[in-house]
Each structure stands twice: as C-alpha cells, then as structure tokens.
Amino acid sequence: MPSGAICDTSPVDGTYVCSCPAGYKGTDCMQDIDECHDSGSPCEHGGTCVNTPGSYRCDCAIGFAGARCEVNINECDSNPCQNEGTCLDERGSYRCVCMPGKFFLNFNFYQ
C-alpha cells in the first residue's frame, strides 16, 4: 500500500475500507491516478503532462514556467532589443519595435 493510505478493518466480518492518499485510488490504494488523462491535462500554454507515481509534472513549452506552465516568462527582462528598440513581451516570445526612421534586417538595425 502507498504511504498515507488509511484502512479500517471491520471486526465483525474482516472486510476493510481504505482512504487513499492524493494520486492513488482503488480498493487497496495501489492504482495510480493518471492526472494527465483522467481529468484532462492540468498543464497550461501547451505544456506536456507527464504522469508520475502519485502525481504528475508539466514540461513547459519555451517561454513558460511554473508547476502548471501558468507563468509567461517576460523575455524583455533581458533587454534583447538593441539601438533603442522597444521590447514587447508576447505569449512565449517577444517582439522588438524599432524607433522611427530605423528598421530591422537580419539581426542588424539600419537607418
């Protein structure tokens, strides 16, 4: 039985009932709940759900973090735009907006 299962045995007929810890189910609490399949993926923003014994984890798509990939990483925090370009954080990425009179081509700015 997984750690945390609480079972009570009837003194009359010897039958028992178990209260399972989170992540497990079944008569003896030995059946792992597949959180990725049984209730739909708990991962957000395209994260991949990976079932683990008694739990799950989310492998996040690029640009996202958190236990459920719920946090959009602000790629603008690293100041990726050059030559006074303005960084706009987007879902899972960023975009640089050039100053008037400048344009961006092949990772170089021109006037």
PDB file of N, CA and C in Angstrom:
ATOM      1  N   MET A   1       0.837  -1.186   0.000  1.00  0.00           N
ATOM      2  CA  MET A   1       0.000   0.000   0.000  1.00  0.00           C
ATOM      3  C   MET A   1       0.881   1.249   0.000  1.00  0.00           C
ATOM      4  N   PRO A   2       0.472   2.285  -0.748  1.00  0.00           N
ATOM      5  CA  PRO A   2       1.275   3.510  -0.733  1.00  0.00           C
ATOM      6  C   PRO A   2       1.241   4.177   0.634  1.00  0.00           C
ATOM      7  N   SER A   3       2.296   4.873   0.933  1.00  0.00           N
ATOM      8  CA  SER A   3       2.382   5.600   2.194  1.00  0.00           C
ATOM      9  C   SER A   3       1.239   6.597   2.284  1.00  0.00           C
ATOM     10  N   GLY A   4       0.569   6.634   3.411  1.00  0.00           N
ATOM     11  CA  GLY A   4      -0.526   7.571   3.603  1.00  0.00           C
ATOM     12  C   GLY A   4      -1.902   6.948   3.474  1.00  0.00           C
ATOM     13  N   ALA A   5      -1.996   5.693   3.006  1.00  0.00           N
ATOM     14  CA  ALA A   5      -3.295   5.028   2.921  1.00  0.00           C
ATOM     15  C   ALA A   5      -3.751   4.680   4.333  1.00  0.00           C
ATOM     16  N   ILE A   6      -5.025   4.953   4.615  1.00  0.00           N
ATOM     17  CA  ILE A   6      -5.594   4.645   5.927  1.00  0.00           C
ATOM     18  C   ILE A   6      -6.710   3.633   5.706  1.00  0.00           C
ATOM     19  N   CYS A   7      -6.547   2.456   6.294  1.00  0.00           N
ATOM     20  CA  CYS A   7      -7.527   1.392   6.109  1.00  0.00           C
ATOM     21  C   CYS A   7      -8.121   0.984   7.456  1.00  0.00           C
ATOM     22  N   ASP A   8      -9.420   0.762   7.454  1.00  0.00           N
ATOM     23  CA  ASP A   8     -10.131   0.292   8.645  1.00  0.00           C
ATOM     24  C   ASP A   8     -10.705  -1.087   8.354  1.00  0.00           C
ATOM     25  N   THR A   9     -10.446  -2.030   9.264  1.00  0.00           N
ATOM     26  CA  THR A   9     -10.945  -3.396   9.123  1.00  0.00           C
ATOM     27  C   THR A   9     -12.124  -3.597  10.062  1.00  0.00           C
ATOM     28  N   SER A  10     -13.163  -4.206   9.528  1.00  0.00           N
ATOM     29  CA  SER A  10     -14.349  -4.496  10.334  1.00  0.00           C
ATOM     30  C   SER A  10     -14.051  -5.681  11.251  1.00  0.00           C
ATOM     31  N   PRO A  11     -14.274  -5.523  12.571  1.00  0.00           N
ATOM     32  CA  PRO A  11     -14.033  -6.639  13.498  1.00  0.00           C
ATOM     33  C   PRO A  11     -15.057  -7.758  13.325  1.00  0.00           C
ATOM     34  N   VAL A  12     -16.171  -7.469  12.687  1.00  0.00           N
ATOM     35  CA  VAL A  12     -17.238  -8.457  12.538  1.00  0.00           C
ATOM     36  C   VAL A  12     -16.944  -9.431  11.406  1.00  0.00           C
ATOM     37  N   ASP A  13     -16.690  -8.895  10.196  1.00  0.00           N
ATOM     38  CA  ASP A  13     -16.521  -9.796   9.053  1.00  0.00           C
ATOM     39  C   ASP A  13     -15.136  -9.709   8.391  1.00  0.00           C
ATOM     40  N   GLY A  14     -14.241  -8.872   8.904  1.00  0.00           N
ATOM     41  CA  GLY A  14     -12.879  -8.799   8.381  1.00  0.00           C
ATOM     42  C   GLY A  14     -12.715  -7.998   7.104  1.00  0.00           C
ATOM     43  N   THR A  15     -13.802  -7.433   6.606  1.00  0.00           N
ATOM     44  CA  THR A  15     -13.675  -6.598   5.406  1.00  0.00           C
ATOM     45  C   THR A  15     -13.023  -5.273   5.794  1.00  0.00           C
ATOM     46  N   TYR A  16     -12.491  -4.602   4.791  1.00  0.00           N
ATOM     47  CA  TYR A  16     -11.836  -3.329   5.083  1.00  0.00           C
ATOM     48  C   TYR A  16     -12.150  -2.297   4.002  1.00  0.00           C
ATOM     49  N   VAL A  17     -11.990  -1.057   4.402  1.00  0.00           N
ATOM     50  CA  VAL A  17     -12.181   0.073   3.501  1.00  0.00           C
ATOM     51  C   VAL A  17     -10.974   0.985   3.679  1.00  0.00           C
ATOM     52  N   CYS A  18     -10.405   1.424   2.558  1.00  0.00           N
ATOM     53  CA  CYS A  18      -9.222   2.287   2.618  1.00  0.00           C
ATOM     54  C   CYS A  18      -9.543   3.692   2.124  1.00  0.00           C
ATOM     55  N   SER A  19      -8.942   4.657   2.776  1.00  0.00           N
ATOM     56  CA  SER A  19      -8.975   6.049   2.333  1.00  0.00           C
ATOM     57  C   SER A  19      -7.614   6.310   1.691  1.00  0.00           C
ATOM     58  N   CYS A  20      -7.621   6.593   0.396  1.00  0.00           N
ATOM     59  CA  CYS A  20      -6.374   6.700  -0.368  1.00  0.00           C
ATOM     60  C   CYS A  20      -5.770   8.102  -0.300  1.00  0.00           C
ATOM     61  N   PRO A  21      -4.435   8.171  -0.328  1.00  0.00           N
ATOM     62  CA  PRO A  21      -3.785   9.481  -0.408  1.00  0.00           C
ATOM     63  C   PRO A  21      -3.980  10.071  -1.804  1.00  0.00           C
ATOM     64  N   ALA A  22      -3.762  11.353  -1.929  1.00  0.00           N
ATOM     65  CA  ALA A  22      -3.904  12.020  -3.226  1.00  0.00           C
ATOM     66  C   ALA A  22      -3.026  11.321  -4.257  1.00  0.00           C
ATOM     67  N   GLY A  23      -3.582  11.102  -5.435  1.00  0.00           N
ATOM     68  CA  GLY A  23      -2.830  10.487  -6.523  1.00  0.00           C
ATOM     69  C   GLY A  23      -3.023   8.994  -6.660  1.00  0.00           C
ATOM     70  N   TYR A  24      -3.767   8.371  -5.717  1.00  0.00           N
ATOM     71  CA  TYR A  24      -3.994   6.932  -5.765  1.00  0.00           C
ATOM     72  C   TYR A  24      -5.476   6.628  -5.593  1.00  0.00           C
ATOM     73  N   LYS A  25      -5.894   5.470  -6.121  1.00  0.00           N
ATOM     74  CA  LYS A  25      -7.281   5.026  -5.991  1.00  0.00           C
ATOM     75  C   LYS A  25      -7.310   3.507  -5.962  1.00  0.00           C
ATOM     76  N   GLY A  26      -8.493   2.956  -5.776  1.00  0.00           N
ATOM     77  CA  GLY A  26      -8.668   1.509  -5.775  1.00  0.00           C
ATOM     78  C   GLY A  26      -8.904   0.968  -4.379  1.00  0.00           C
ATOM     79  N   THR A  27      -9.298  -0.286  -4.320  1.00  0.00           N
ATOM     80  CA  THR A  27      -9.608  -0.948  -3.056  1.00  0.00           C
ATOM     81  C   THR A  27      -8.434  -0.904  -2.090  1.00  0.00           C
ATOM     82  N   ASP A  28      -7.223  -1.152  -2.599  1.00  0.00           N
ATOM     83  CA  ASP A  28      -6.022  -1.163  -1.761  1.00  0.00           C
ATOM     84  C   ASP A  28      -5.161   0.087  -1.968  1.00  0.00           C
ATOM     85  N   CYS A  29      -5.688   1.085  -2.662  1.00  0.00           N
ATOM     86  CA  CYS A  29      -4.950   2.325  -2.953  1.00  0.00           C
ATOM     87  C   CYS A  29      -3.663   2.062  -3.729  1.00  0.00           C
ATOM     88  N   MET A  30      -3.648   1.025  -4.550  1.00  0.00           N
ATOM     89  CA  MET A  30      -2.448   0.677  -5.311  1.00  0.00           C
ATOM     90  C   MET A  30      -2.510   1.176  -6.755  1.00  0.00           C
ATOM     91  N   GLN A  31      -3.647   1.701  -7.160  1.00  0.00           N
ATOM     92  CA  GLN A  31      -3.801   2.152  -8.544  1.00  0.00           C
ATOM     93  C   GLN A  31      -3.472   3.638  -8.641  1.00  0.00           C
ATOM     94  N   ASP A  32      -2.457   3.949  -9.432  1.00  0.00           N
ATOM     95  CA  ASP A  32      -2.043   5.338  -9.642  1.00  0.00           C
ATOM     96  C   ASP A  32      -3.092   6.057 -10.482  1.00  0.00           C
ATOM     97  N   ILE A  33      -3.471   7.254 -10.058  1.00  0.00           N
ATOM     98  CA  ILE A  33      -4.369   8.087 -10.860  1.00  0.00           C
ATOM     99  C   ILE A  33      -3.523   8.775 -11.921  1.00  0.00           C
ATOM    100  N   ASP A  34      -3.923   8.647 -13.167  1.00  0.00           N
ATOM    101  CA  ASP A  34      -3.216   9.323 -14.259  1.00  0.00           C
ATOM    102  C   ASP A  34      -3.815  10.715 -14.404  1.00  0.00           C
ATOM    103  N   GLU A  35      -3.220  11.676 -13.703  1.00  0.00           N
ATOM    104  CA  GLU A  35      -3.729  13.049 -13.718  1.00  0.00           C
ATOM    105  C   GLU A  35      -3.685  13.655 -15.115  1.00  0.00           C
ATOM    106  N   CYS A  36      -2.833  13.120 -15.974  1.00  0.00           N
ATOM    107  CA  CYS A  36      -2.704  13.642 -17.337  1.00  0.00           C
ATOM    108  C   CYS A  36      -3.846  13.179 -18.231  1.00  0.00           C
ATOM    109  N   HIS A  37      -4.472  12.068 -17.873  1.00  0.00           N
ATOM    110  CA  HIS A  37      -5.517  11.507 -18.723  1.00  0.00           C
ATOM    111  C   HIS A  37      -6.889  11.554 -18.067  1.00  0.00           C
ATOM    112  N   ASP A  38      -6.964  11.161 -16.795  1.00  0.00           N
ATOM    113  CA  ASP A  38      -8.252  11.020 -16.122  1.00  0.00           C
ATOM    114  C   ASP A  38      -9.033  12.321 -16.030  1.00  0.00           C
ATOM    115  N   SER A  39      -8.354  13.447 -15.824  1.00  0.00           N
ATOM    116  CA  SER A  39      -9.076  14.714 -15.656  1.00  0.00           C
ATOM    117  C   SER A  39      -8.675  15.743 -16.708  1.00  0.00           C
ATOM    118  N   GLY A  40      -8.051  15.308 -17.787  1.00  0.00           N
ATOM    119  CA  GLY A  40      -7.551  16.260 -18.776  1.00  0.00           C
ATOM    120  C   GLY A  40      -6.246  16.841 -18.281  1.00  0.00           C
ATOM    121  N   SER A  41      -5.457  17.345 -19.180  1.00  0.00           N
ATOM    122  CA  SER A  41      -4.140  17.841 -18.799  1.00  0.00           C
ATOM    123  C   SER A  41      -4.241  19.068 -17.905  1.00  0.00           C
ATOM    124  N   PRO A  42      -3.567  19.041 -16.752  1.00  0.00           N
ATOM    125  CA  PRO A  42      -3.552  20.214 -15.880  1.00  0.00           C
ATOM    126  C   PRO A  42      -2.548  21.273 -16.346  1.00  0.00           C
ATOM    127  N   CYS A  43      -1.757  20.952 -17.369  1.00  0.00           N
ATOM    128  CA  CYS A  43      -0.717  21.872 -17.846  1.00  0.00           C
ATOM    129  C   CYS A  43      -1.320  22.918 -18.785  1.00  0.00           C
ATOM    130  N   GLU A  44      -0.843  24.146 -18.649  1.00  0.00           N
ATOM    131  CA  GLU A  44      -1.341  25.255 -19.460  1.00  0.00           C
ATOM    132  C   GLU A  44      -0.351  25.620 -20.564  1.00  0.00           C
ATOM    133  N   HIS A  45      -0.797  26.422 -21.503  1.00  0.00           N
ATOM    134  CA  HIS A  45       0.038  27.023 -22.550  1.00  0.00           C
ATOM    135  C   HIS A  45       0.868  26.008 -23.325  1.00  0.00           C
ATOM    136  N   GLY A  46       0.272  24.862 -23.661  1.00  0.00           N
ATOM    137  CA  GLY A  46       0.965  23.872 -24.478  1.00  0.00           C
ATOM    138  C   GLY A  46       1.973  23.021 -23.732  1.00  0.00           C
ATOM    139  N   GLY A  47       1.958  23.077 -22.397  1.00  0.00           N
ATOM    140  CA  GLY A  47       2.864  22.239 -21.611  1.00  0.00           C
ATOM    141  C   GLY A  47       2.488  20.774 -21.757  1.00  0.00           C
ATOM    142  N   THR A  48       3.467  19.890 -21.647  1.00  0.00           N
ATOM    143  CA  THR A  48       3.244  18.452 -21.767  1.00  0.00           C
ATOM    144  C   THR A  48       3.143  17.842 -20.378  1.00  0.00           C
ATOM    145  N   CYS A  49       2.042  17.146 -20.135  1.00  0.00           N
ATOM    146  CA  CYS A  49       1.817  16.499 -18.846  1.00  0.00           C
ATOM    147  C   CYS A  49       2.500  15.133 -18.838  1.00  0.00           C
ATOM    148  N   VAL A  50       3.262  14.860 -17.775  1.00  0.00           N
ATOM    149  CA  VAL A  50       3.946  13.578 -17.600  1.00  0.00           C
ATOM    150  C   VAL A  50       3.459  12.972 -16.288  1.00  0.00           C
ATOM    151  N   ASN A  51       2.804  11.804 -16.374  1.00  0.00           N
ATOM    152  CA  ASN A  51       2.314  11.139 -15.171  1.00  0.00           C
ATOM    153  C   ASN A  51       3.489  10.559 -14.391  1.00  0.00           C
ATOM    154  N   THR A  52       3.459  10.726 -13.073  1.00  0.00           N
ATOM    155  CA  THR A  52       4.466  10.150 -12.184  1.00  0.00           C
ATOM    156  C   THR A  52       3.727   9.400 -11.082  1.00  0.00           C
ATOM    157  N   PRO A  53       4.370   8.490 -10.357  1.00  0.00           N
ATOM    158  CA  PRO A  53       3.669   7.750  -9.300  1.00  0.00           C
ATOM    159  C   PRO A  53       3.052   8.691  -8.257  1.00  0.00           C
ATOM    160  N   GLY A  54       1.736   8.698  -8.198  1.00  0.00           N
ATOM    161  CA  GLY A  54       1.016   9.504  -7.221  1.00  0.00           C
ATOM    162  C   GLY A  54       0.890  10.971  -7.574  1.00  0.00           C
ATOM    163  N   SER A  55       1.382  11.376  -8.721  1.00  0.00           N
ATOM    164  CA  SER A  55       1.349  12.793  -9.070  1.00  0.00           C
ATOM    165  C   SER A  55       1.555  12.978 -10.575  1.00  0.00           C
ATOM    166  N   TYR A  56       2.065  14.145 -10.955  1.00  0.00           N
ATOM    167  CA  TYR A  56       2.373  14.463 -12.351  1.00  0.00           C
ATOM    168  C   TYR A  56       3.349  15.633 -12.358  1.00  0.00           C
ATOM    169  N   ARG A  57       3.912  15.903 -13.524  1.00  0.00           N
ATOM    170  CA  ARG A  57       4.710  17.114 -13.706  1.00  0.00           C
ATOM    171  C   ARG A  57       4.394  17.670 -15.084  1.00  0.00           C
ATOM    172  N   CYS A  58       4.635  18.947 -15.247  1.00  0.00           N
ATOM    173  CA  CYS A  58       4.430  19.603 -16.535  1.00  0.00           C
ATOM    174  C   CYS A  58       5.779  20.001 -17.117  1.00  0.00           C
ATOM    175  N   ASP A  59       6.047  19.571 -18.339  1.00  0.00           N
ATOM    176  CA  ASP A  59       7.219  20.027 -19.081  1.00  0.00           C
ATOM    177  C   ASP A  59       6.734  21.195 -19.928  1.00  0.00           C
ATOM    178  N   CYS A  60       7.189  22.389 -19.584  1.00  0.00           N
ATOM    179  CA  CYS A  60       6.662  23.617 -20.187  1.00  0.00           C
ATOM    180  C   CYS A  60       7.229  23.896 -21.573  1.00  0.00           C
ATOM    181  N   ALA A  61       6.394  24.514 -22.398  1.00  0.00           N
ATOM    182  CA  ALA A  61       6.829  24.999 -23.709  1.00  0.00           C
ATOM    183  C   ALA A  61       7.772  26.178 -23.489  1.00  0.00           C
ATOM    184  N   ILE A  62       8.597  26.461 -24.480  1.00  0.00           N
ATOM    185  CA  ILE A  62       9.530  27.587 -24.392  1.00  0.00           C
ATOM    186  C   ILE A  62       8.754  28.865 -24.100  1.00  0.00           C
ATOM    187  N   GLY A  63       9.239  29.625 -23.132  1.00  0.00           N
ATOM    188  CA  GLY A  63       8.613  30.894 -22.780  1.00  0.00           C
ATOM    189  C   GLY A  63       7.659  30.822 -21.604  1.00  0.00           C
ATOM    190  N   PHE A  64       7.477  29.610 -21.038  1.00  0.00           N
ATOM    191  CA  PHE A  64       6.560  29.449 -19.917  1.00  0.00           C
ATOM    192  C   PHE A  64       7.231  28.680 -18.787  1.00  0.00           C
ATOM    193  N   ALA A  65       6.772  28.921 -17.557  1.00  0.00           N
ATOM    194  CA  ALA A  65       7.331  28.277 -16.368  1.00  0.00           C
ATOM    195  C   ALA A  65       6.212  28.072 -15.354  1.00  0.00           C
ATOM    196  N   GLY A  66       6.555  27.472 -14.216  1.00  0.00           N
ATOM    197  CA  GLY A  66       5.586  27.232 -13.149  1.00  0.00           C
ATOM    198  C   GLY A  66       5.179  25.774 -13.109  1.00  0.00           C
ATOM    199  N   ALA A  67       4.592  25.366 -12.005  1.00  0.00           N
ATOM    200  CA  ALA A  67       4.189  23.970 -11.814  1.00  0.00           C
ATOM    201  C   ALA A  67       3.227  23.500 -12.896  1.00  0.00           C
ATOM    202  N   ARG A  68       2.360  24.406 -13.371  1.00  0.00           N
ATOM    203  CA  ARG A  68       1.399  24.070 -14.426  1.00  0.00           C
ATOM    204  C   ARG A  68       1.668  24.870 -15.705  1.00  0.00           C
ATOM    205  N   CYS A  69       2.867  25.430 -15.831  1.00  0.00           N
ATOM    206  CA  CYS A  69       3.248  26.257 -17.002  1.00  0.00           C
ATOM    207  C   CYS A  69       2.346  27.479 -17.111  1.00  0.00           C
ATOM    208  N   GLU A  70       1.911  27.975 -15.960  1.00  0.00           N
ATOM    209  CA  GLU A  70       0.964  29.090 -15.925  1.00  0.00           C
ATOM    210  C   GLU A  70       1.642  30.453 -15.999  1.00  0.00           C
ATOM    211  N   VAL A  71       2.970  30.490 -15.898  1.00  0.00           N
ATOM    212  CA  VAL A  71       3.695  31.762 -15.860  1.00  0.00           C
ATOM    213  C   VAL A  71       4.321  32.050 -17.221  1.00  0.00           C
ATOM    214  N   ASN A  72       3.944  33.177 -17.815  1.00  0.00           N
ATOM    215  CA  ASN A  72       4.565  33.629 -19.057  1.00  0.00           C
ATOM    216  C   ASN A  72       5.873  34.317 -18.686  1.00  0.00           C
ATOM    217  N   ILE A  73       6.998  33.749 -19.128  1.00  0.00           N
ATOM    218  CA  ILE A  73       8.300  34.353 -18.844  1.00  0.00           C
ATOM    219  C   ILE A  73       8.407  35.649 -19.640  1.00  0.00           C
ATOM    220  N   ASN A  74       8.829  36.710 -18.976  1.00  0.00           N
ATOM    221  CA  ASN A  74       8.983  38.001 -19.652  1.00  0.00           C
ATOM    222  C   ASN A  74      10.362  38.047 -20.301  1.00  0.00           C
ATOM    223  N   GLU A  75      10.411  37.706 -21.589  1.00  0.00           N
ATOM    224  CA  GLU A  75      11.683  37.699 -22.311  1.00  0.00           C
ATOM    225  C   GLU A  75      12.289  39.094 -22.425  1.00  0.00           C
ATOM    226  N   CYS A  76      11.496  40.126 -22.209  1.00  0.00           N
ATOM    227  CA  CYS A  76      12.001  41.503 -22.278  1.00  0.00           C
ATOM    228  C   CYS A  76      12.865  41.862 -21.073  1.00  0.00           C
ATOM    229  N   ASP A  77      12.806  41.065 -19.998  1.00  0.00           N
ATOM    230  CA  ASP A  77      13.624  41.345 -18.812  1.00  0.00           C
ATOM    231  C   ASP A  77      15.117  41.357 -19.126  1.00  0.00           C
ATOM    232  N   SER A  78      15.531  40.618 -20.155  1.00  0.00           N
ATOM    233  CA  SER A  78      16.956  40.563 -20.511  1.00  0.00           C
ATOM    234  C   SER A  78      17.349  41.661 -21.506  1.00  0.00           C
ATOM    235  N   ASN A  79      16.413  42.565 -21.807  1.00  0.00           N
ATOM    236  CA  ASN A  79      16.665  43.674 -22.746  1.00  0.00           C
ATOM    237  C   ASN A  79      17.258  43.196 -24.074  1.00  0.00           C
ATOM    238  N   PRO A  80      16.537  42.330 -24.809  1.00  0.00           N
ATOM    239  CA  PRO A  80      17.093  41.775 -26.043  1.00  0.00           C
ATOM    240  C   PRO A  80      17.108  42.747 -27.232  1.00  0.00           C
ATOM    241  N   CYS A  81      16.351  43.825 -27.170  1.00  0.00           N
ATOM    242  CA  CYS A  81      16.271  44.761 -28.297  1.00  0.00           C
ATOM    243  C   CYS A  81      17.442  45.745 -28.248  1.00  0.00           C
ATOM    244  N   GLN A  82      18.000  46.036 -29.394  1.00  0.00           N
ATOM    245  CA  GLN A  82      19.156  46.924 -29.476  1.00  0.00           C
ATOM    246  C   GLN A  82      18.764  48.265 -30.087  1.00  0.00           C
ATOM    247  N   ASN A  83      19.699  49.208 -30.035  1.00  0.00           N
ATOM    248  CA  ASN A  83      19.547  50.519 -30.688  1.00  0.00           C
ATOM    249  C   ASN A  83      18.241  51.217 -30.328  1.00  0.00           C
ATOM    250  N   GLU A  84      17.926  51.214 -29.038  1.00  0.00           N
ATOM    251  CA  GLU A  84      16.749  51.900 -28.505  1.00  0.00           C
ATOM    252  C   GLU A  84      15.422  51.298 -28.968  1.00  0.00           C
ATOM    253  N   GLY A  85      15.462  50.047 -29.440  1.00  0.00           N
ATOM    254  CA  GLY A  85      14.221  49.373 -29.809  1.00  0.00           C
ATOM    255  C   GLY A  85      13.401  49.080 -28.565  1.00  0.00           C
ATOM    256  N   THR A  86      12.092  49.055 -28.715  1.00  0.00           N
ATOM    257  CA  THR A  86      11.188  48.773 -27.601  1.00  0.00           C
ATOM    258  C   THR A  86      10.800  47.301 -27.640  1.00  0.00           C
ATOM    259  N   CYS A  87      10.953  46.626 -26.520  1.00  0.00           N
ATOM    260  CA  CYS A  87      10.616  45.206 -26.422  1.00  0.00           C
ATOM    261  C   CYS A  87       9.159  45.049 -25.997  1.00  0.00           C
ATOM    262  N   LEU A  88       8.430  44.209 -26.721  1.00  0.00           N
ATOM    263  CA  LEU A  88       7.048  43.878 -26.375  1.00  0.00           C
ATOM    264  C   LEU A  88       6.992  42.393 -26.033  1.00  0.00           C
ATOM    265  N   ASP A  89       6.654  42.082 -24.781  1.00  0.00           N
ATOM    266  CA  ASP A  89       6.543  40.690 -24.357  1.00  0.00           C
ATOM    267  C   ASP A  89       5.268  40.108 -24.940  1.00  0.00           C
ATOM    268  N   GLU A  90       5.368  38.910 -25.510  1.00  0.00           N
ATOM    269  CA  GLU A  90       4.213  38.214 -26.069  1.00  0.00           C
ATOM    270  C   GLU A  90       4.127  36.836 -25.425  1.00  0.00           C
ATOM    271  N   ARG A  91       3.080  36.107 -25.734  1.00  0.00           N
ATOM    272  CA  ARG A  91       2.912  34.768 -25.165  1.00  0.00           C
ATOM    273  C   ARG A  91       4.010  33.847 -25.676  1.00  0.00           C
ATOM    274  N   GLY A  92       4.961  33.532 -24.813  1.00  0.00           N
ATOM    275  CA  GLY A  92       6.023  32.606 -25.164  1.00  0.00           C
ATOM    276  C   GLY A  92       7.123  33.185 -26.026  1.00  0.00           C
ATOM    277  N   SER A  93       7.116  34.486 -26.266  1.00  0.00           N
ATOM    278  CA  SER A  93       8.157  35.107 -27.087  1.00  0.00           C
ATOM    279  C   SER A  93       8.177  36.611 -26.835  1.00  0.00           C
ATOM    280  N   TYR A  94       8.877  37.343 -27.700  1.00  0.00           N
ATOM    281  CA  TYR A  94       8.911  38.800 -27.608  1.00  0.00           C
ATOM    282  C   TYR A  94       9.051  39.376 -29.014  1.00  0.00           C
ATOM    283  N   ARG A  95       8.859  40.675 -29.118  1.00  0.00           N
ATOM    284  CA  ARG A  95       8.980  41.366 -30.396  1.00  0.00           C
ATOM    285  C   ARG A  95       9.644  42.707 -30.150  1.00  0.00           C
ATOM    286  N   CYS A  96      10.556  43.092 -31.023  1.00  0.00           N
ATOM    287  CA  CYS A  96      11.216  44.392 -30.928  1.00  0.00           C
ATOM    288  C   CYS A  96      10.556  45.364 -31.900  1.00  0.00           C
ATOM    289  N   VAL A  97      10.267  46.556 -31.412  1.00  0.00           N
ATOM    290  CA  VAL A  97       9.704  47.619 -32.247  1.00  0.00           C
ATOM    291  C   VAL A  97      10.780  48.684 -32.394  1.00  0.00           C
ATOM    292  N   CYS A  98      11.105  49.032 -33.634  1.00  0.00           N
ATOM    293  CA  CYS A  98      12.182  49.987 -33.906  1.00  0.00           C
ATOM    294  C   CYS A  98      11.719  51.424 -33.706  1.00  0.00           C
ATOM    295  N   MET A  99      12.694  52.264 -33.406  1.00  0.00           N
ATOM    296  CA  MET A  99      12.448  53.706 -33.311  1.00  0.00           C
ATOM    297  C   MET A  99      12.109  54.219 -34.711  1.00  0.00           C
ATOM    298  N   PRO A 100      11.342  55.320 -34.811  1.00  0.00           N
ATOM    299  CA  PRO A 100      11.021  55.882 -36.130  1.00  0.00           C
ATOM    300  C   PRO A 100      12.301  56.163 -36.920  1.00  0.00           C
ATOM    301  N   GLY A 101      12.291  55.801 -38.197  1.00  0.00           N
ATOM    302  CA  GLY A 101      13.436  56.036 -39.061  1.00  0.00           C
ATOM    303  C   GLY A 101      14.443  54.908 -39.066  1.00  0.00           C
ATOM    304  N   LYS A 102      14.209  53.841 -38.275  1.00  0.00           N
ATOM    305  CA  LYS A 102      15.123  52.699 -38.248  1.00  0.00           C
ATOM    306  C   LYS A 102      14.344  51.449 -38.632  1.00  0.00           C
ATOM    307  N   PHE A 103      15.042  50.451 -39.168  1.00  0.00           N
ATOM    308  CA  PHE A 103      14.391  49.183 -39.467  1.00  0.00           C
ATOM    309  C   PHE A 103      15.339  48.045 -39.125  1.00  0.00           C
ATOM    310  N   PHE A 104      14.774  46.859 -39.038  1.00  0.00           N
ATOM    311  CA  PHE A 104      15.490  45.675 -38.567  1.00  0.00           C
ATOM    312  C   PHE A 104      15.585  44.691 -39.719  1.00  0.00           C
ATOM    313  N   LEU A 105      16.816  44.222 -40.034  1.00  0.00           N
ATOM    314  CA  LEU A 105      17.007  43.267 -41.120  1.00  0.00           C
ATOM    315  C   LEU A 105      18.176  42.355 -40.767  1.00  0.00           C
ATOM    316  N   ASN A 106      17.938  41.055 -40.781  1.00  0.00           N
ATOM    317  CA  ASN A 106      18.998  40.081 -40.496  1.00  0.00           C
ATOM    318  C   ASN A 106      19.753  40.392 -39.200  1.00  0.00           C
ATOM    319  N   PHE A 107      19.023  40.701 -38.154  1.00  0.00           N
ATOM    320  CA  PHE A 107      19.577  40.965 -36.825  1.00  0.00           C
ATOM    321  C   PHE A 107      20.437  42.224 -36.765  1.00  0.00           C
ATOM    322  N   ASN A 108      20.300  43.128 -37.715  1.00  0.00           N
ATOM    323  CA  ASN A 108      21.015  44.404 -37.713  1.00  0.00           C
ATOM    324  C   ASN A 108      20.017  45.540 -37.889  1.00  0.00           C
ATOM    325  N   PHE A 109      20.293  46.654 -37.222  1.00  0.00           N
ATOM    326  CA  PHE A 109      19.436  47.829 -37.356  1.00  0.00           C
ATOM    327  C   PHE A 109      20.039  48.782 -38.379  1.00  0.00           C
ATOM    328  N   TYR A 110      19.173  49.403 -39.171  1.00  0.00           N
ATOM    329  CA  TYR A 110      19.612  50.365 -40.184  1.00  0.00           C
ATOM    330  C   TYR A 110      18.792  51.632 -40.067  1.00  0.00           C
ATOM    331  N   GLN A 111      19.366  52.724 -40.524  1.00  0.00           N
ATOM    332  CA  GLN A 111      18.625  53.991 -40.548  1.00  0.00           C
ATOM    333  C   GLN A 111      18.199  54.286 -41.959  1.00  0.00           C
TER     334      GLN A 111
END
